Amino acid sequence: MIQPSWDTIHPSEQLAGTPAVRRDGHWWLVAPNGGAVPTNEPALTRELDSLAVALDAANRAVAHLGTDESEVGRA
């Protein structure tokens, strides 16, 4: 398990601009000062997983709206 640092975080690893980072299947809380703490609490990791799934679904829905011609012009 490679500990992330603020300088090495890829946007795809970060949860919506928060300090929560998922790397190699594990969640971390990463601080700009270089510190990182693994999230070993099962309730927290479940919640972060749920938020990541919901955010992904929302992003897909928004992307679909932008490409669905049947939605163009509807308010």
C-alpha atoms as a PDB file:
ATOM      1  CA  MET A   1       0.000   0.000   0.000  1.00  0.00           C
ATOM      2  CA  ILE A   2       1.609   3.248  -1.176  1.00  0.00           C
ATOM      3  CA  GLN A   3       0.846   6.257   1.014  1.00  0.00           C
ATOM      4  CA  PRO A   4      -0.353   9.182  -1.105  1.00  0.00           C
ATOM      5  CA  SER A   5       0.983  12.692  -0.710  1.00  0.00           C
ATOM      6  CA  TRP A   6      -0.724  15.911  -1.780  1.00  0.00           C
ATOM      7  CA  ASP A   7       1.757  16.288  -4.668  1.00  0.00           C
ATOM      8  CA  THR A   8       1.142  12.799  -6.066  1.00  0.00           C
ATOM      9  CA  ILE A   9      -2.667  12.696  -6.018  1.00  0.00           C
ATOM     10  CA  HIS A  10      -4.336  12.141  -9.376  1.00  0.00           C
ATOM     11  CA  PRO A  11      -7.765  13.788  -9.837  1.00  0.00           C
ATOM     12  CA  SER A  12      -9.301  10.346 -10.403  1.00  0.00           C
ATOM     13  CA  GLU A  13      -8.168   9.292  -6.911  1.00  0.00           C
ATOM     14  CA  GLN A  14      -9.615  12.285  -5.063  1.00  0.00           C
ATOM     15  CA  LEU A  15     -13.245  12.423  -3.922  1.00  0.00           C
ATOM     16  CA  ALA A  16     -14.663  15.661  -5.354  1.00  0.00           C
ATOM     17  CA  GLY A  17     -11.841  17.940  -4.266  1.00  0.00           C
ATOM     18  CA  THR A  18     -11.908  16.715  -0.663  1.00  0.00           C
ATOM     19  CA  PRO A  19      -8.907  15.383   1.263  1.00  0.00           C
ATOM     20  CA  ALA A  20     -10.364  11.878   0.833  1.00  0.00           C
ATOM     21  CA  VAL A  21      -8.229   9.868  -1.604  1.00  0.00           C
ATOM     22  CA  ARG A  22      -8.746   6.282  -2.776  1.00  0.00           C
ATOM     23  CA  ARG A  23      -5.514   4.587  -3.795  1.00  0.00           C
ATOM     24  CA  ASP A  24      -4.982   0.884  -4.422  1.00  0.00           C
ATOM     25  CA  GLY A  25      -8.395   0.083  -2.949  1.00  0.00           C
ATOM     26  CA  HIS A  26      -7.808   1.979   0.313  1.00  0.00           C
ATOM     27  CA  TRP A  27      -9.109   5.352   1.493  1.00  0.00           C
ATOM     28  CA  TRP A  28      -6.748   7.965   2.914  1.00  0.00           C
ATOM     29  CA  LEU A  29      -7.201  11.444   4.334  1.00  0.00           C
ATOM     30  CA  VAL A  30      -4.408  13.559   2.858  1.00  0.00           C
ATOM     31  CA  ALA A  31      -3.321  16.995   4.078  1.00  0.00           C
ATOM     32  CA  PRO A  32      -1.599  19.646   1.949  1.00  0.00           C
ATOM     33  CA  ASN A  33       1.296  19.699   4.442  1.00  0.00           C
ATOM     34  CA  GLY A  34       2.279  16.211   3.322  1.00  0.00           C
ATOM     35  CA  GLY A  35       0.623  14.085   5.984  1.00  0.00           C
ATOM     36  CA  ALA A  36      -1.679  11.185   5.184  1.00  0.00           C
ATOM     37  CA  VAL A  37      -3.800   9.005   7.456  1.00  0.00           C
ATOM     38  CA  PRO A  38      -5.318   5.704   6.309  1.00  0.00           C
ATOM     39  CA  THR A  39      -9.028   5.417   7.026  1.00  0.00           C
ATOM     40  CA  ASN A  40      -9.251   2.110   8.852  1.00  0.00           C
ATOM     41  CA  GLU A  41     -12.691   2.768  10.369  1.00  0.00           C
ATOM     42  CA  PRO A  42     -15.179   0.521   8.516  1.00  0.00           C
ATOM     43  CA  ALA A  43     -18.104   2.946   8.917  1.00  0.00           C
ATOM     44  CA  LEU A  44     -16.070   5.783   7.401  1.00  0.00           C
ATOM     45  CA  THR A  45     -14.813   3.711   4.485  1.00  0.00           C
ATOM     46  CA  ARG A  46     -18.368   2.497   3.753  1.00  0.00           C
ATOM     47  CA  GLU A  47     -19.586   6.101   3.735  1.00  0.00           C
ATOM     48  CA  LEU A  48     -16.751   7.211   1.462  1.00  0.00           C
ATOM     49  CA  ASP A  49     -17.519   4.295  -0.886  1.00  0.00           C
ATOM     50  CA  SER A  50     -21.209   5.311  -0.935  1.00  0.00           C
ATOM     51  CA  LEU A  51     -20.340   8.930  -1.662  1.00  0.00           C
ATOM     52  CA  ALA A  52     -17.994   7.906  -4.472  1.00  0.00           C
ATOM     53  CA  VAL A  53     -20.697   5.721  -6.064  1.00  0.00           C
ATOM     54  CA  ALA A  54     -23.296   8.503  -5.779  1.00  0.00           C
ATOM     55  CA  LEU A  55     -20.912  11.078  -7.246  1.00  0.00           C
ATOM     56  CA  ASP A  56     -20.063   8.775 -10.144  1.00  0.00           C
ATOM     57  CA  ALA A  57     -23.775   8.219 -10.848  1.00  0.00           C
ATOM     58  CA  ALA A  58     -24.441  11.966 -10.743  1.00  0.00           C
ATOM     59  CA  ASN A  59     -21.536  12.663 -13.101  1.00  0.00           C
ATOM     60  CA  ARG A  60     -22.816  10.036 -15.533  1.00  0.00           C
ATOM     61  CA  ALA A  61     -26.349  11.472 -15.410  1.00  0.00           C
ATOM     62  CA  VAL A  62     -25.091  14.986 -16.118  1.00  0.00           C
ATOM     63  CA  ALA A  63     -22.912  13.718 -18.966  1.00  0.00           C
ATOM     64  CA  HIS A  64     -25.905  11.855 -20.394  1.00  0.00           C
ATOM     65  CA  LEU A  65     -28.047  15.001 -20.294  1.00  0.00           C
ATOM     66  CA  GLY A  66     -25.418  16.855 -22.278  1.00  0.00           C
ATOM     67  CA  THR A  67     -25.458  14.240 -25.050  1.00  0.00           C
ATOM     68  CA  ASP A  68     -29.125  13.239 -25.111  1.00  0.00           C
ATOM     69  CA  GLU A  69     -30.643  15.092 -28.065  1.00  0.00           C
ATOM     70  CA  SER A  70     -34.175  14.388 -26.843  1.00  0.00           C
ATOM     71  CA  GLU A  71     -33.496  16.613 -23.822  1.00  0.00           C
ATOM     72  CA  VAL A  72     -32.305  19.594 -25.892  1.00  0.00           C
ATOM     73  CA  GLY A  73     -34.713  22.503 -25.657  1.00  0.00           C
ATOM     74  CA  ARG A  74     -36.668  21.099 -22.729  1.00  0.00           C
ATOM     75  CA  ALA A  75     -36.907  23.050 -19.516  1.00  0.00           C
END
